[in-house]
Amino acid sequence: MNDQDLAQHIEALLFARGGAVSKKELVKLLNTTPEELALAAAALGAASAGRGIALVDDGLELELRTAPAVSQKIEELRKEEFSREIGRAGLEVLAAILYRGPLTRAEIDFIRGVNSSQTVRTLLMRGFVRRVPNPKDERSFLYEPTTEILGHLGVVSMHDLPEYEQVRAKLDELEAAYKNKQAEVPAASPEAEQSI
């Protein structure tokens, strides 16, 4: 893979992750060497000059961020977002994370029945939730509550949330019933598939 192709792959991975990725992980994911990664990152940084994004390199991690030239506009946008109420969608996502978390974005979407990416992003920006590595799947993250939201709610622990233990137990019960129901659904036979 040449420098330009490697730079494109780096950009795509950083964009998909939506956050910083360690150089060590990028070397592994892209099956390259630290030296080749450094050259491709330099090429990506040069290609980003004069655009709305910039490649940030702290020595250990790479991340795509907004370019300094547009940072004031981005700050205005963030202030506008922070001034708005989080709304019903935000409350639903927070409730799911507080009482059932940590959760992946897909699990949050499943619980709500709709795409929650914008809502999760808003909660991240406000510091109400944080993204942590998913030990079961390196390609995804888990979302969990922060001390900021606990303090905002006036509790010092998740267990101090109203009816936490009862709600958590009921959710465990519902999840177990759902999994049992899914296991009982018979797979379509080959003959049935052919007749479709």
N, C-alpha and C. Protein backbone atom coordinates (compact mmCIF):
# COMPACT_ATOMS: atom_id res chain seq x y z
N MET A 1 0.86 -1.18 0.00
CA MET A 1 0.00 0.00 0.00
C MET A 1 0.90 1.24 0.00
N ASN A 2 0.67 2.16 -0.93
CA ASN A 2 1.51 3.36 -0.98
C ASN A 2 1.03 4.39 0.07
N ASP A 3 1.83 5.48 0.21
CA ASP A 3 1.53 6.49 1.24
C ASP A 3 0.14 7.09 1.08
N GLN A 4 -0.27 7.35 -0.17
CA GLN A 4 -1.58 7.95 -0.40
C GLN A 4 -2.71 7.01 0.00
N ASP A 5 -2.60 5.73 -0.39
CA ASP A 5 -3.61 4.75 -0.01
C ASP A 5 -3.67 4.58 1.52
N LEU A 6 -2.49 4.53 2.13
CA LEU A 6 -2.43 4.38 3.58
C LEU A 6 -3.03 5.60 4.27
N ALA A 7 -2.76 6.79 3.73
CA ALA A 7 -3.34 8.03 4.28
C ALA A 7 -4.86 7.99 4.19
N GLN A 8 -5.40 7.49 3.08
CA GLN A 8 -6.86 7.38 2.94
C GLN A 8 -7.44 6.42 3.97
N HIS A 9 -6.73 5.31 4.18
CA HIS A 9 -7.21 4.34 5.18
C HIS A 9 -7.16 4.93 6.59
N ILE A 10 -6.11 5.67 6.89
CA ILE A 10 -6.02 6.33 8.21
C ILE A 10 -7.18 7.29 8.39
N GLU A 11 -7.42 8.12 7.38
CA GLU A 11 -8.51 9.10 7.44
C GLU A 11 -9.85 8.40 7.65
N ALA A 12 -10.09 7.33 6.91
CA ALA A 12 -11.36 6.61 7.02
C ALA A 12 -11.53 5.99 8.41
N LEU A 13 -10.47 5.39 8.94
CA LEU A 13 -10.55 4.78 10.28
C LEU A 13 -10.78 5.83 11.36
N LEU A 14 -10.07 6.95 11.27
CA LEU A 14 -10.25 8.01 12.26
C LEU A 14 -11.66 8.60 12.18
N PHE A 15 -12.16 8.76 10.96
CA PHE A 15 -13.52 9.26 10.78
C PHE A 15 -14.54 8.28 11.36
N ALA A 16 -14.35 7.00 11.06
CA ALA A 16 -15.29 5.98 11.55
C ALA A 16 -15.28 5.89 13.07
N ARG A 17 -14.11 5.99 13.67
CA ARG A 17 -14.00 5.92 15.13
C ARG A 17 -14.58 7.15 15.80
N GLY A 18 -14.44 8.29 15.15
CA GLY A 18 -14.97 9.51 15.73
C GLY A 18 -14.20 9.99 16.94
N GLY A 19 -12.97 9.58 17.05
CA GLY A 19 -12.14 9.99 18.19
C GLY A 19 -10.70 9.60 17.95
N ALA A 20 -9.88 9.77 18.96
CA ALA A 20 -8.46 9.47 18.84
C ALA A 20 -8.23 7.96 18.76
N VAL A 21 -7.24 7.58 17.96
CA VAL A 21 -6.83 6.17 17.84
C VAL A 21 -5.32 6.13 18.02
N SER A 22 -4.86 5.20 18.83
CA SER A 22 -3.43 5.12 19.08
C SER A 22 -2.69 4.68 17.82
N LYS A 23 -1.47 5.18 17.69
CA LYS A 23 -0.65 4.81 16.53
C LYS A 23 -0.38 3.31 16.55
N LYS A 24 -0.22 2.77 17.74
CA LYS A 24 0.02 1.33 17.88
C LYS A 24 -1.14 0.53 17.29
N GLU A 25 -2.36 0.96 17.60
CA GLU A 25 -3.55 0.28 17.08
C GLU A 25 -3.67 0.45 15.57
N LEU A 26 -3.36 1.65 15.07
CA LEU A 26 -3.41 1.88 13.62
C LEU A 26 -2.41 1.00 12.89
N VAL A 27 -1.22 0.86 13.43
CA VAL A 27 -0.21 -0.01 12.82
C VAL A 27 -0.76 -1.43 12.71
N LYS A 28 -1.39 -1.88 13.77
CA LYS A 28 -1.96 -3.24 13.79
C LYS A 28 -3.13 -3.38 12.80
N LEU A 29 -4.06 -2.42 12.86
CA LEU A 29 -5.25 -2.48 12.00
C LEU A 29 -4.90 -2.39 10.51
N LEU A 30 -3.90 -1.59 10.19
CA LEU A 30 -3.54 -1.35 8.79
C LEU A 30 -2.40 -2.25 8.31
N ASN A 31 -1.94 -3.11 9.21
CA ASN A 31 -0.87 -4.06 8.85
C ASN A 31 0.30 -3.33 8.20
N THR A 32 0.82 -2.34 8.92
CA THR A 32 1.91 -1.51 8.41
C THR A 32 2.98 -1.37 9.49
N THR A 33 3.96 -0.54 9.22
CA THR A 33 5.02 -0.29 10.20
C THR A 33 4.85 1.12 10.78
N PRO A 34 5.44 1.38 11.95
CA PRO A 34 5.36 2.73 12.51
C PRO A 34 5.94 3.79 11.57
N GLU A 35 6.99 3.44 10.84
CA GLU A 35 7.62 4.38 9.91
C GLU A 35 6.67 4.71 8.75
N GLU A 36 6.04 3.67 8.18
CA GLU A 36 5.09 3.90 7.08
C GLU A 36 3.89 4.69 7.56
N LEU A 37 3.43 4.41 8.78
CA LEU A 37 2.31 5.15 9.35
C LEU A 37 2.67 6.62 9.51
N ALA A 38 3.88 6.90 9.99
CA ALA A 38 4.32 8.29 10.17
C ALA A 38 4.34 9.04 8.84
N LEU A 39 4.84 8.39 7.78
CA LEU A 39 4.88 9.04 6.46
C LEU A 39 3.47 9.31 5.93
N ALA A 40 2.59 8.32 6.08
CA ALA A 40 1.22 8.47 5.60
C ALA A 40 0.47 9.53 6.41
N ALA A 41 0.72 9.58 7.73
CA ALA A 41 0.08 10.59 8.58
C ALA A 41 0.55 11.99 8.18
N ALA A 42 1.84 12.12 7.86
CA ALA A 42 2.37 13.41 7.41
C ALA A 42 1.70 13.82 6.10
N ALA A 43 1.51 12.86 5.19
CA ALA A 43 0.84 13.13 3.92
C ALA A 43 -0.61 13.55 4.15
N LEU A 44 -1.28 12.88 5.07
CA LEU A 44 -2.67 13.22 5.39
C LEU A 44 -2.75 14.61 6.01
N GLY A 45 -1.82 14.92 6.90
CA GLY A 45 -1.78 16.24 7.52
C GLY A 45 -1.58 17.34 6.49
N ALA A 46 -0.68 17.10 5.53
CA ALA A 46 -0.42 18.09 4.47
C ALA A 46 -1.64 18.24 3.57
N ALA A 47 -2.31 17.12 3.27
CA ALA A 47 -3.50 17.17 2.40
C ALA A 47 -4.67 17.88 3.08
N SER A 48 -4.67 17.90 4.42
CA SER A 48 -5.75 18.53 5.17
C SER A 48 -5.59 20.04 5.27
N ALA A 49 -4.41 20.55 4.94
CA ALA A 49 -4.16 21.99 5.05
C ALA A 49 -5.17 22.77 4.21
N GLY A 50 -5.73 23.80 4.80
CA GLY A 50 -6.70 24.63 4.09
C GLY A 50 -8.10 24.05 4.04
N ARG A 51 -8.32 22.96 4.73
CA ARG A 51 -9.65 22.35 4.76
C ARG A 51 -10.28 22.55 6.13
N GLY A 52 -11.47 22.06 6.32
CA GLY A 52 -12.19 22.24 7.57
C GLY A 52 -11.78 21.30 8.68
N ILE A 53 -10.99 20.30 8.34
CA ILE A 53 -10.51 19.36 9.35
C ILE A 53 -8.99 19.39 9.39
N ALA A 54 -8.45 18.96 10.52
CA ALA A 54 -7.00 18.89 10.67
C ALA A 54 -6.67 17.58 11.36
N LEU A 55 -5.51 17.03 11.05
CA LEU A 55 -5.04 15.82 11.71
C LEU A 55 -4.24 16.24 12.93
N VAL A 56 -4.68 15.80 14.10
CA VAL A 56 -4.00 16.12 15.35
C VAL A 56 -3.17 14.91 15.76
N ASP A 57 -1.90 15.16 16.06
CA ASP A 57 -0.95 14.10 16.43
C ASP A 57 -0.29 14.50 17.73
N ASP A 58 -0.60 13.77 18.82
CA ASP A 58 0.02 14.10 20.12
C ASP A 58 1.24 13.24 20.42
N GLY A 59 1.69 12.49 19.41
CA GLY A 59 2.83 11.62 19.59
C GLY A 59 2.44 10.17 19.79
N LEU A 60 1.32 9.95 20.47
CA LEU A 60 0.84 8.59 20.73
C LEU A 60 -0.43 8.25 19.95
N GLU A 61 -1.26 9.27 19.72
CA GLU A 61 -2.54 9.07 19.06
C GLU A 61 -2.73 10.05 17.91
N LEU A 62 -3.60 9.65 16.98
CA LEU A 62 -4.01 10.52 15.89
C LEU A 62 -5.51 10.74 16.01
N GLU A 63 -5.95 11.95 15.64
CA GLU A 63 -7.39 12.23 15.68
C GLU A 63 -7.70 13.30 14.64
N LEU A 64 -8.86 13.18 14.01
CA LEU A 64 -9.36 14.22 13.12
C LEU A 64 -10.16 15.20 13.95
N ARG A 65 -9.81 16.48 13.84
CA ARG A 65 -10.50 17.53 14.58
C ARG A 65 -10.82 18.67 13.63
N THR A 66 -11.63 19.60 14.08
CA THR A 66 -11.90 20.77 13.25
C THR A 66 -10.64 21.62 13.16
N ALA A 67 -10.44 22.22 12.02
CA ALA A 67 -9.26 23.07 11.79
C ALA A 67 -9.35 24.34 12.64
N PRO A 68 -8.21 24.85 13.08
CA PRO A 68 -8.22 26.08 13.89
C PRO A 68 -8.94 27.24 13.22
N ALA A 69 -8.87 27.33 11.90
CA ALA A 69 -9.49 28.45 11.19
C ALA A 69 -11.01 28.49 11.35
N VAL A 70 -11.63 27.34 11.62
CA VAL A 70 -13.09 27.31 11.76
C VAL A 70 -13.53 27.05 13.19
N SER A 71 -12.59 27.04 14.12
CA SER A 71 -12.91 26.69 15.50
C SER A 71 -13.92 27.64 16.14
N GLN A 72 -13.88 28.93 15.78
CA GLN A 72 -14.83 29.89 16.36
C GLN A 72 -16.26 29.55 15.96
N LYS A 73 -16.47 29.19 14.70
CA LYS A 73 -17.83 28.81 14.25
C LYS A 73 -18.30 27.56 14.97
N ILE A 74 -17.39 26.60 15.13
CA ILE A 74 -17.75 25.35 15.82
C ILE A 74 -18.10 25.65 17.27
N GLU A 75 -17.36 26.54 17.90
CA GLU A 75 -17.64 26.92 19.29
C GLU A 75 -19.02 27.57 19.40
N GLU A 76 -19.39 28.40 18.44
CA GLU A 76 -20.72 29.02 18.44
C GLU A 76 -21.81 27.96 18.31
N LEU A 77 -21.57 26.97 17.45
CA LEU A 77 -22.53 25.89 17.27
C LEU A 77 -22.69 25.10 18.56
N ARG A 78 -21.57 24.80 19.22
CA ARG A 78 -21.63 24.04 20.48
C ARG A 78 -22.38 24.82 21.55
N LYS A 79 -22.12 26.12 21.64
CA LYS A 79 -22.83 26.93 22.63
C LYS A 79 -24.33 26.90 22.38
N GLU A 80 -24.71 26.94 21.10
CA GLU A 80 -26.13 26.88 20.75
C GLU A 80 -26.72 25.53 21.16
N GLU A 81 -25.96 24.45 20.92
CA GLU A 81 -26.44 23.12 21.30
C GLU A 81 -26.57 23.00 22.81
N PHE A 82 -25.61 23.57 23.55
CA PHE A 82 -25.64 23.49 25.00
C PHE A 82 -26.78 24.30 25.61
N SER A 83 -27.21 25.34 24.90
CA SER A 83 -28.27 26.19 25.43
C SER A 83 -29.64 25.53 25.31
N ARG A 84 -29.74 24.52 24.45
CA ARG A 84 -31.03 23.84 24.26
C ARG A 84 -31.23 22.76 25.31
N GLU A 85 -32.48 22.47 25.58
CA GLU A 85 -32.81 21.34 26.46
C GLU A 85 -32.43 20.05 25.75
N ILE A 86 -32.13 19.02 26.53
CA ILE A 86 -31.77 17.75 25.87
C ILE A 86 -33.00 17.05 25.32
N GLY A 87 -34.16 17.42 25.76
CA GLY A 87 -35.39 16.89 25.21
C GLY A 87 -35.69 15.45 25.60
N ARG A 88 -36.78 14.96 25.06
CA ARG A 88 -37.24 13.61 25.39
C ARG A 88 -36.24 12.56 24.93
N ALA A 89 -35.68 12.74 23.72
CA ALA A 89 -34.72 11.77 23.20
C ALA A 89 -33.51 11.67 24.13
N GLY A 90 -33.03 12.83 24.59
CA GLY A 90 -31.89 12.83 25.50
C GLY A 90 -32.20 12.14 26.81
N LEU A 91 -33.40 12.37 27.31
CA LEU A 91 -33.82 11.72 28.56
C LEU A 91 -33.93 10.21 28.39
N GLU A 92 -34.44 9.77 27.24
CA GLU A 92 -34.55 8.33 26.98
C GLU A 92 -33.18 7.67 26.93
N VAL A 93 -32.24 8.31 26.23
CA VAL A 93 -30.89 7.75 26.12
C VAL A 93 -30.22 7.73 27.49
N LEU A 94 -30.36 8.83 28.24
CA LEU A 94 -29.77 8.87 29.59
C LEU A 94 -30.36 7.79 30.49
N ALA A 95 -31.67 7.62 30.42
CA ALA A 95 -32.32 6.59 31.25
C ALA A 95 -31.79 5.20 30.90
N ALA A 96 -31.65 4.94 29.61
CA ALA A 96 -31.14 3.63 29.17
C ALA A 96 -29.72 3.42 29.69
N ILE A 97 -28.88 4.43 29.56
CA ILE A 97 -27.49 4.30 29.99
C ILE A 97 -27.39 4.21 31.51
N LEU A 98 -28.18 5.02 32.21
CA LEU A 98 -28.12 5.01 33.67
C LEU A 98 -28.62 3.70 34.27
N TYR A 99 -29.73 3.19 33.74
CA TYR A 99 -30.34 2.01 34.34
C TYR A 99 -29.91 0.69 33.70
N ARG A 100 -29.38 0.74 32.47
CA ARG A 100 -29.05 -0.51 31.79
C ARG A 100 -27.60 -0.57 31.32
N GLY A 101 -26.91 0.58 31.38
CA GLY A 101 -25.56 0.68 30.83
C GLY A 101 -24.51 -0.04 31.62
N PRO A 102 -23.31 -0.06 31.11
CA PRO A 102 -22.92 0.60 29.87
C PRO A 102 -23.47 -0.13 28.64
N LEU A 103 -23.76 0.65 27.60
CA LEU A 103 -24.39 0.12 26.39
C LEU A 103 -23.63 0.55 25.15
N THR A 104 -23.73 -0.26 24.09
CA THR A 104 -23.21 0.16 22.79
C THR A 104 -24.25 1.06 22.14
N ARG A 105 -23.86 1.77 21.10
CA ARG A 105 -24.81 2.62 20.40
C ARG A 105 -25.92 1.76 19.79
N ALA A 106 -25.57 0.57 19.27
CA ALA A 106 -26.57 -0.32 18.69
C ALA A 106 -27.60 -0.74 19.74
N GLU A 107 -27.14 -1.01 20.96
CA GLU A 107 -28.07 -1.40 22.03
C GLU A 107 -28.98 -0.24 22.41
N ILE A 108 -28.43 0.97 22.42
CA ILE A 108 -29.26 2.15 22.70
C ILE A 108 -30.32 2.30 21.61
N ASP A 109 -29.90 2.15 20.35
CA ASP A 109 -30.84 2.23 19.23
C ASP A 109 -31.93 1.17 19.36
N PHE A 110 -31.55 -0.05 19.74
CA PHE A 110 -32.51 -1.14 19.88
C PHE A 110 -33.53 -0.82 20.97
N ILE A 111 -33.05 -0.33 22.10
CA ILE A 111 -33.95 -0.01 23.21
C ILE A 111 -34.95 1.07 22.80
N ARG A 112 -34.47 2.11 22.12
CA ARG A 112 -35.34 3.22 21.73
C ARG A 112 -36.13 2.95 20.47
N GLY A 113 -35.62 2.08 19.61
CA GLY A 113 -36.30 1.79 18.36
C GLY A 113 -36.02 2.80 17.26
N VAL A 114 -35.06 3.69 17.49
CA VAL A 114 -34.68 4.70 16.50
C VAL A 114 -33.18 4.95 16.58
N ASN A 115 -32.64 5.59 15.55
CA ASN A 115 -31.23 5.95 15.53
C ASN A 115 -30.98 7.03 16.59
N SER A 116 -29.99 6.80 17.44
CA SER A 116 -29.73 7.71 18.55
C SER A 116 -28.39 8.42 18.43
N SER A 117 -27.75 8.36 17.26
CA SER A 117 -26.39 8.89 17.13
C SER A 117 -26.30 10.37 17.47
N GLN A 118 -27.24 11.19 17.00
CA GLN A 118 -27.19 12.63 17.28
C GLN A 118 -27.40 12.91 18.76
N THR A 119 -28.31 12.17 19.36
CA THR A 119 -28.59 12.36 20.79
C THR A 119 -27.38 11.96 21.63
N VAL A 120 -26.77 10.82 21.29
CA VAL A 120 -25.58 10.37 22.02
C VAL A 120 -24.47 11.40 21.87
N ARG A 121 -24.32 11.94 20.67
CA ARG A 121 -23.28 12.95 20.42
C ARG A 121 -23.51 14.18 21.30
N THR A 122 -24.75 14.62 21.39
CA THR A 122 -25.08 15.78 22.23
C THR A 122 -24.76 15.49 23.69
N LEU A 123 -25.10 14.31 24.16
CA LEU A 123 -24.83 13.95 25.56
C LEU A 123 -23.33 13.85 25.82
N LEU A 124 -22.58 13.37 24.82
CA LEU A 124 -21.12 13.32 24.94
C LEU A 124 -20.55 14.74 25.05
N MET A 125 -21.02 15.62 24.18
CA MET A 125 -20.53 17.00 24.17
C MET A 125 -20.84 17.71 25.48
N ARG A 126 -21.95 17.38 26.07
CA ARG A 126 -22.32 18.03 27.33
C ARG A 126 -21.62 17.39 28.53
N GLY A 127 -20.94 16.28 28.29
CA GLY A 127 -20.22 15.63 29.38
C GLY A 127 -21.10 14.76 30.27
N PHE A 128 -22.32 14.42 29.79
CA PHE A 128 -23.22 13.59 30.57
C PHE A 128 -22.91 12.10 30.42
N VAL A 129 -22.35 11.70 29.29
CA VAL A 129 -21.94 10.32 29.08
C VAL A 129 -20.52 10.33 28.53
N ARG A 130 -19.83 9.19 28.66
CA ARG A 130 -18.50 9.06 28.09
C ARG A 130 -18.42 7.75 27.32
N ARG A 131 -17.51 7.72 26.39
CA ARG A 131 -17.30 6.55 25.55
C ARG A 131 -16.08 5.81 26.07
N VAL A 132 -16.24 4.50 26.29
CA VAL A 132 -15.13 3.66 26.77
C VAL A 132 -15.00 2.46 25.85
N PRO A 133 -13.80 1.86 25.79
CA PRO A 133 -13.61 0.68 24.93
C PRO A 133 -14.56 -0.45 25.33
N ASN A 134 -15.00 -1.18 24.32
CA ASN A 134 -15.87 -2.35 24.55
C ASN A 134 -14.98 -3.58 24.63
N PRO A 135 -14.87 -4.21 25.81
CA PRO A 135 -13.99 -5.37 25.94
C PRO A 135 -14.43 -6.58 25.10
N LYS A 136 -15.70 -6.61 24.68
CA LYS A 136 -16.21 -7.73 23.88
C LYS A 136 -16.02 -7.53 22.38
N ASP A 137 -15.80 -6.25 21.96
CA ASP A 137 -15.68 -5.96 20.53
C ASP A 137 -14.85 -4.68 20.35
N GLU A 138 -13.64 -4.84 19.83
CA GLU A 138 -12.74 -3.71 19.67
C GLU A 138 -13.25 -2.68 18.67
N ARG A 139 -14.21 -3.07 17.83
CA ARG A 139 -14.72 -2.16 16.81
C ARG A 139 -15.81 -1.23 17.32
N SER A 140 -16.26 -1.42 18.54
CA SER A 140 -17.33 -0.58 19.06
C SER A 140 -16.96 -0.04 20.44
N PHE A 141 -17.77 0.89 20.91
CA PHE A 141 -17.56 1.50 22.21
C PHE A 141 -18.78 1.27 23.08
N LEU A 142 -18.57 1.42 24.36
CA LEU A 142 -19.67 1.42 25.32
C LEU A 142 -19.87 2.85 25.81
N TYR A 143 -21.10 3.19 26.12
CA TYR A 143 -21.41 4.51 26.66
C TYR A 143 -21.87 4.34 28.09
N GLU A 144 -21.29 5.13 28.98
CA GLU A 144 -21.63 5.05 30.40
C GLU A 144 -21.79 6.46 30.96
N PRO A 145 -22.50 6.59 32.08
CA PRO A 145 -22.72 7.92 32.66
C PRO A 145 -21.44 8.47 33.28
N THR A 146 -21.37 9.79 33.37
CA THR A 146 -20.22 10.45 33.99
C THR A 146 -20.60 10.97 35.37
N THR A 147 -19.60 11.39 36.11
CA THR A 147 -19.88 12.00 37.41
C THR A 147 -20.66 13.30 37.23
N GLU A 148 -20.48 13.94 36.06
CA GLU A 148 -21.20 15.19 35.76
C GLU A 148 -22.71 14.96 35.82
N ILE A 149 -23.21 13.90 35.17
CA ILE A 149 -24.65 13.67 35.17
C ILE A 149 -25.13 13.21 36.54
N LEU A 150 -24.32 12.40 37.23
CA LEU A 150 -24.73 11.98 38.57
C LEU A 150 -24.84 13.18 39.49
N GLY A 151 -23.85 14.09 39.41
CA GLY A 151 -23.91 15.31 40.21
C GLY A 151 -25.09 16.17 39.83
N HIS A 152 -25.37 16.25 38.53
CA HIS A 152 -26.51 17.03 38.03
C HIS A 152 -27.83 16.48 38.58
N LEU A 153 -27.89 15.15 38.72
CA LEU A 153 -29.10 14.50 39.23
C LEU A 153 -29.14 14.50 40.76
N GLY A 154 -28.05 14.92 41.40
CA GLY A 154 -28.02 15.00 42.85
C GLY A 154 -27.80 13.67 43.54
N VAL A 155 -27.10 12.74 42.86
CA VAL A 155 -26.79 11.44 43.47
C VAL A 155 -25.28 11.25 43.43
N VAL A 156 -24.78 10.40 44.33
CA VAL A 156 -23.34 10.14 44.34
C VAL A 156 -23.00 8.78 43.75
N SER A 157 -24.01 7.99 43.49
CA SER A 157 -23.81 6.65 42.95
C SER A 157 -25.04 6.27 42.13
N MET A 158 -24.82 5.38 41.17
CA MET A 158 -25.95 4.88 40.36
C MET A 158 -27.02 4.26 41.26
N HIS A 159 -26.58 3.62 42.33
CA HIS A 159 -27.51 2.93 43.22
C HIS A 159 -28.41 3.89 43.98
N ASP A 160 -28.07 5.19 43.95
CA ASP A 160 -28.91 6.20 44.59
C ASP A 160 -30.02 6.71 43.68
N LEU A 161 -30.02 6.27 42.42
CA LEU A 161 -31.08 6.67 41.49
C LEU A 161 -32.40 6.08 41.96
N PRO A 162 -33.52 6.75 41.69
CA PRO A 162 -34.82 6.24 42.13
C PRO A 162 -35.09 4.82 41.64
N GLU A 163 -35.41 3.94 42.58
CA GLU A 163 -35.80 2.55 42.30
C GLU A 163 -34.77 1.83 41.40
N TYR A 164 -33.50 2.15 41.58
CA TYR A 164 -32.46 1.59 40.70
C TYR A 164 -32.47 0.07 40.69
N GLU A 165 -32.43 -0.55 41.86
CA GLU A 165 -32.34 -2.02 41.93
C GLU A 165 -33.58 -2.68 41.32
N GLN A 166 -34.77 -2.13 41.60
CA GLN A 166 -36.00 -2.71 41.06
C GLN A 166 -36.06 -2.58 39.54
N VAL A 167 -35.71 -1.41 39.04
CA VAL A 167 -35.75 -1.18 37.59
C VAL A 167 -34.72 -2.07 36.91
N ARG A 168 -33.54 -2.14 37.47
CA ARG A 168 -32.48 -2.98 36.89
C ARG A 168 -32.90 -4.45 36.86
N ALA A 169 -33.50 -4.93 37.95
CA ALA A 169 -33.97 -6.32 38.00
C ALA A 169 -35.06 -6.56 36.96
N LYS A 170 -35.99 -5.62 36.81
CA LYS A 170 -37.06 -5.77 35.83
C LYS A 170 -36.50 -5.78 34.41
N LEU A 171 -35.50 -4.92 34.14
CA LEU A 171 -34.88 -4.91 32.82
C LEU A 171 -34.14 -6.23 32.53
N ASP A 172 -33.47 -6.77 33.54
CA ASP A 172 -32.81 -8.07 33.38
C ASP A 172 -33.83 -9.16 33.04
N GLU A 173 -34.95 -9.11 33.74
CA GLU A 173 -36.03 -10.07 33.52
C GLU A 173 -36.59 -9.96 32.09
N LEU A 174 -36.83 -8.73 31.65
CA LEU A 174 -37.35 -8.52 30.29
C LEU A 174 -36.35 -8.96 29.23
N GLU A 175 -35.07 -8.68 29.46
CA GLU A 175 -34.05 -9.09 28.50
C GLU A 175 -33.95 -10.61 28.41
N ALA A 176 -34.02 -11.29 29.56
CA ALA A 176 -33.96 -12.75 29.57
C ALA A 176 -35.18 -13.33 28.83
N ALA A 177 -36.37 -12.76 29.06
CA ALA A 177 -37.58 -13.23 28.37
C ALA A 177 -37.45 -13.02 26.87
N TYR A 178 -36.90 -11.88 26.46
CA TYR A 178 -36.72 -11.60 25.03
C TYR A 178 -35.76 -12.61 24.40
N LYS A 179 -34.65 -12.89 25.09
CA LYS A 179 -33.67 -13.84 24.55
C LYS A 179 -34.27 -15.24 24.45
N ASN A 180 -35.07 -15.62 25.45
CA ASN A 180 -35.72 -16.94 25.41
C ASN A 180 -36.69 -17.02 24.24
N LYS A 181 -37.43 -15.94 24.02
CA LYS A 181 -38.39 -15.90 22.92
C LYS A 181 -37.67 -16.02 21.58
N GLN A 182 -36.54 -15.29 21.45
CA GLN A 182 -35.75 -15.36 20.22
C GLN A 182 -35.22 -16.77 19.98
N ALA A 183 -34.82 -17.45 21.06
CA ALA A 183 -34.28 -18.81 20.94
C ALA A 183 -35.35 -19.80 20.51
N GLU A 184 -36.62 -19.50 20.85
CA GLU A 184 -37.72 -20.40 20.52
C GLU A 184 -38.19 -20.27 19.08
N VAL A 185 -37.84 -19.16 18.42
CA VAL A 185 -38.28 -18.95 17.04
C VAL A 185 -37.56 -19.96 16.16
N PRO A 186 -38.31 -20.85 15.49
CA PRO A 186 -37.65 -21.88 14.67
C PRO A 186 -37.04 -21.27 13.42
N ALA A 187 -35.87 -21.79 13.05
CA ALA A 187 -35.21 -21.33 11.82
C ALA A 187 -36.00 -21.87 10.63
N ALA A 188 -36.06 -21.11 9.56
CA ALA A 188 -36.79 -21.55 8.36
C ALA A 188 -36.09 -22.75 7.76
N SER A 189 -36.87 -23.76 7.36
CA SER A 189 -36.29 -24.94 6.76
C SER A 189 -35.83 -24.63 5.34
N PRO A 190 -34.86 -25.40 4.81
CA PRO A 190 -34.42 -25.18 3.44
C PRO A 190 -35.56 -25.26 2.42
N GLU A 191 -36.53 -26.18 2.69
CA GLU A 191 -37.65 -26.32 1.76
C GLU A 191 -38.50 -25.06 1.76
N ALA A 192 -38.71 -24.48 2.97
CA ALA A 192 -39.52 -23.28 3.07
C ALA A 192 -38.81 -22.12 2.36
N GLU A 193 -37.48 -22.06 2.49
CA GLU A 193 -36.74 -20.99 1.83
C GLU A 193 -36.82 -21.10 0.33
N GLN A 194 -36.82 -22.34 -0.20
CA GLN A 194 -36.87 -22.54 -1.63
C GLN A 194 -38.23 -22.17 -2.19
N SER A 195 -39.29 -22.33 -1.38
CA SER A 195 -40.62 -22.04 -1.87
C SER A 195 -40.93 -20.55 -1.90
N ILE A 196 -40.07 -19.75 -1.27
CA ILE A 196 -40.32 -18.30 -1.24
C ILE A 196 -39.96 -17.67 -2.56
